[in-house]
Amino acid sequence: MKTALATHGQAAPTGAVVFDQDALLPIALLSGCAVYPAAGPSPLDVLPYGTAGKPAPGTFRLGVSPGMVKHEGTQPLFWAVELMEQQHNPARHTKGDDTPDDGE
């Protein structure tokens, strides 16, 4: 799947940009979906910024155009931890709890 490959291809540079300081790596992945811990509720809190104050090149770009990613929702970290303790993938539940867990 091209979209999933593109999204996961952007995940590595997103983590690498800040790996030396405060690593920002996904805690869950599913085809085309990544769940990141963030300091705040905004999707902008996930983007690593360069020294010029702009999002670092090669990382995620927020938007609805091809090649960009869109925000699917914000949940507290405790929500994701509870799902993982129950052997569920939080990335499967970003749009709500009614999605079946088959095939995880």
C-alpha atoms as a PDB file:
ATOM      1  CA  MET A   1       0.000   0.000   0.000  1.00  0.00           C
ATOM      2  CA  LYS A   2       1.608   3.252  -1.137  1.00  0.00           C
ATOM      3  CA  THR A   3      -0.016   5.444   1.492  1.00  0.00           C
ATOM      4  CA  ALA A   4       1.116   3.212   4.333  1.00  0.00           C
ATOM      5  CA  LEU A   5       4.653   3.068   2.963  1.00  0.00           C
ATOM      6  CA  ALA A   6       4.783   6.832   2.568  1.00  0.00           C
ATOM      7  CA  THR A   7       3.462   7.402   6.080  1.00  0.00           C
ATOM      8  CA  HIS A   8       5.842   4.897   7.645  1.00  0.00           C
ATOM      9  CA  GLY A   9       8.667   6.311   5.541  1.00  0.00           C
ATOM     10  CA  GLN A  10       8.013   9.699   7.147  1.00  0.00           C
ATOM     11  CA  ALA A  11       7.919   8.184  10.637  1.00  0.00           C
ATOM     12  CA  ALA A  12      11.659   7.413  10.630  1.00  0.00           C
ATOM     13  CA  PRO A  13      12.780  10.986   9.777  1.00  0.00           C
ATOM     14  CA  THR A  14      10.253  12.374  12.276  1.00  0.00           C
ATOM     15  CA  GLY A  15      11.848  10.317  15.043  1.00  0.00           C
ATOM     16  CA  ALA A  16      15.409  10.826  13.811  1.00  0.00           C
ATOM     17  CA  VAL A  17      15.148  14.620  13.839  1.00  0.00           C
ATOM     18  CA  VAL A  18      14.587  14.659  17.583  1.00  0.00           C
ATOM     19  CA  PHE A  19      16.148  11.327  18.556  1.00  0.00           C
ATOM     20  CA  ASP A  20      19.198  13.005  20.095  1.00  0.00           C
ATOM     21  CA  GLN A  21      17.042  15.217  22.325  1.00  0.00           C
ATOM     22  CA  ASP A  22      13.502  14.022  23.014  1.00  0.00           C
ATOM     23  CA  ALA A  23      12.758  11.003  20.827  1.00  0.00           C
ATOM     24  CA  LEU A  24       9.319  11.203  19.245  1.00  0.00           C
ATOM     25  CA  LEU A  25       8.588   7.728  17.975  1.00  0.00           C
ATOM     26  CA  PRO A  26       5.199   6.119  17.347  1.00  0.00           C
ATOM     27  CA  ILE A  27       3.817   3.871  20.080  1.00  0.00           C
ATOM     28  CA  ALA A  28       1.454   2.097  17.636  1.00  0.00           C
ATOM     29  CA  LEU A  29       1.299   1.582  13.861  1.00  0.00           C
ATOM     30  CA  LEU A  30      -1.362   0.256  11.528  1.00  0.00           C
ATOM     31  CA  SER A  31      -1.668   0.601   7.744  1.00  0.00           C
ATOM     32  CA  GLY A  32      -1.665   4.348   7.201  1.00  0.00           C
ATOM     33  CA  CYS A  33      -2.052   5.215  10.906  1.00  0.00           C
ATOM     34  CA  ALA A  34       0.538   6.086  13.535  1.00  0.00           C
ATOM     35  CA  VAL A  35      -0.092   6.935  17.188  1.00  0.00           C
ATOM     36  CA  TYR A  36       2.386   9.343  18.760  1.00  0.00           C
ATOM     37  CA  PRO A  37       2.725  10.563  22.336  1.00  0.00           C
ATOM     38  CA  ALA A  38       2.752  14.355  22.460  1.00  0.00           C
ATOM     39  CA  ALA A  39       3.230  17.111  25.010  1.00  0.00           C
ATOM     40  CA  GLY A  40      -0.141  18.640  24.128  1.00  0.00           C
ATOM     41  CA  PRO A  41      -3.462  17.894  22.400  1.00  0.00           C
ATOM     42  CA  SER A  42      -2.707  19.626  19.099  1.00  0.00           C
ATOM     43  CA  PRO A  43      -1.383  17.721  16.067  1.00  0.00           C
ATOM     44  CA  LEU A  44       1.247  20.477  15.856  1.00  0.00           C
ATOM     45  CA  ASP A  45       2.711  19.097  19.111  1.00  0.00           C
ATOM     46  CA  VAL A  46       3.884  16.005  17.182  1.00  0.00           C
ATOM     47  CA  LEU A  47       5.832  17.858  14.481  1.00  0.00           C
ATOM     48  CA  PRO A  48       9.567  18.310  15.038  1.00  0.00           C
ATOM     49  CA  TYR A  49      10.696  21.843  14.301  1.00  0.00           C
ATOM     50  CA  GLY A  50      14.062  22.951  12.942  1.00  0.00           C
ATOM     51  CA  THR A  51      16.133  25.858  14.178  1.00  0.00           C
ATOM     52  CA  ALA A  52      14.228  28.267  11.897  1.00  0.00           C
ATOM     53  CA  GLY A  53      10.984  27.444  13.703  1.00  0.00           C
ATOM     54  CA  LYS A  54       9.468  25.587  10.745  1.00  0.00           C
ATOM     55  CA  PRO A  55       8.651  21.856  10.604  1.00  0.00           C
ATOM     56  CA  ALA A  56      11.796  19.877   9.788  1.00  0.00           C
ATOM     57  CA  PRO A  57      12.038  18.726   6.153  1.00  0.00           C
ATOM     58  CA  GLY A  58      11.230  15.086   5.377  1.00  0.00           C
ATOM     59  CA  THR A  59       8.899  14.717   8.346  1.00  0.00           C
ATOM     60  CA  PHE A  60       5.110  14.779   8.525  1.00  0.00           C
ATOM     61  CA  ARG A  61       3.194  17.594   6.870  1.00  0.00           C
ATOM     62  CA  LEU A  62      -0.339  18.195   8.127  1.00  0.00           C
ATOM     63  CA  GLY A  63      -3.089  18.642   5.538  1.00  0.00           C
ATOM     64  CA  VAL A  64      -5.520  16.869   3.233  1.00  0.00           C
ATOM     65  CA  SER A  65      -3.509  16.880   0.006  1.00  0.00           C
ATOM     66  CA  PRO A  66      -1.666  13.768  -1.235  1.00  0.00           C
ATOM     67  CA  GLY A  67       1.528  13.159   0.717  1.00  0.00           C
ATOM     68  CA  MET A  68       0.206  14.915   3.803  1.00  0.00           C
ATOM     69  CA  VAL A  69      -1.206  13.399   6.975  1.00  0.00           C
ATOM     70  CA  LYS A  70      -4.394  14.330   8.782  1.00  0.00           C
ATOM     71  CA  HIS A  71      -5.169  14.372  12.459  1.00  0.00           C
ATOM     72  CA  GLU A  72      -7.599  11.564  13.365  1.00  0.00           C
ATOM     73  CA  GLY A  73      -8.014  12.333  17.046  1.00  0.00           C
ATOM     74  CA  THR A  74      -6.412  13.028  20.378  1.00  0.00           C
ATOM     75  CA  GLN A  75      -6.609  10.769  23.417  1.00  0.00           C
ATOM     76  CA  PRO A  76      -4.783  10.804  26.760  1.00  0.00           C
ATOM     77  CA  LEU A  77      -1.732   8.522  26.997  1.00  0.00           C
ATOM     78  CA  PHE A  78      -3.521   6.489  29.671  1.00  0.00           C
ATOM     79  CA  TRP A  79      -6.109   5.504  27.007  1.00  0.00           C
ATOM     80  CA  ALA A  80      -3.378   4.005  24.789  1.00  0.00           C
ATOM     81  CA  VAL A  81      -1.659   2.268  27.705  1.00  0.00           C
ATOM     82  CA  GLU A  82      -4.937   0.620  28.754  1.00  0.00           C
ATOM     83  CA  LEU A  83      -5.509  -0.659  25.204  1.00  0.00           C
ATOM     84  CA  MET A  84      -1.977  -2.036  24.960  1.00  0.00           C
ATOM     85  CA  GLU A  85      -2.325  -3.780  28.344  1.00  0.00           C
ATOM     86  CA  GLN A  86      -5.413  -5.516  26.898  1.00  0.00           C
ATOM     87  CA  GLN A  87      -3.335  -6.611  23.862  1.00  0.00           C
ATOM     88  CA  HIS A  88      -5.109  -4.124  21.530  1.00  0.00           C
ATOM     89  CA  ASN A  89      -3.440  -1.839  19.003  1.00  0.00           C
ATOM     90  CA  PRO A  90      -4.303   1.829  19.776  1.00  0.00           C
ATOM     91  CA  ALA A  91      -3.829   2.702  16.091  1.00  0.00           C
ATOM     92  CA  ARG A  92      -6.878   0.565  15.300  1.00  0.00           C
ATOM     93  CA  HIS A  93      -9.038   2.644  17.647  1.00  0.00           C
ATOM     94  CA  THR A  94      -8.202   6.224  16.640  1.00  0.00           C
ATOM     95  CA  LYS A  95     -11.673   6.795  15.170  1.00  0.00           C
ATOM     96  CA  GLY A  96     -13.537   5.175  18.061  1.00  0.00           C
ATOM     97  CA  ASP A  97     -13.864   1.930  19.975  1.00  0.00           C
ATOM     98  CA  ASP A  98     -16.270   0.212  17.574  1.00  0.00           C
ATOM     99  CA  THR A  99     -13.618  -1.013  15.099  1.00  0.00           C
ATOM    100  CA  PRO A 100     -13.099  -4.787  15.286  1.00  0.00           C
ATOM    101  CA  ASP A 101      -9.739  -6.084  16.513  1.00  0.00           C
ATOM    102  CA  ASP A 102      -9.585  -9.055  14.110  1.00  0.00           C
ATOM    103  CA  GLY A 103      -6.265  -9.438  12.354  1.00  0.00           C
ATOM    104  CA  GLU A 104      -4.099  -7.434  14.729  1.00  0.00           C
END
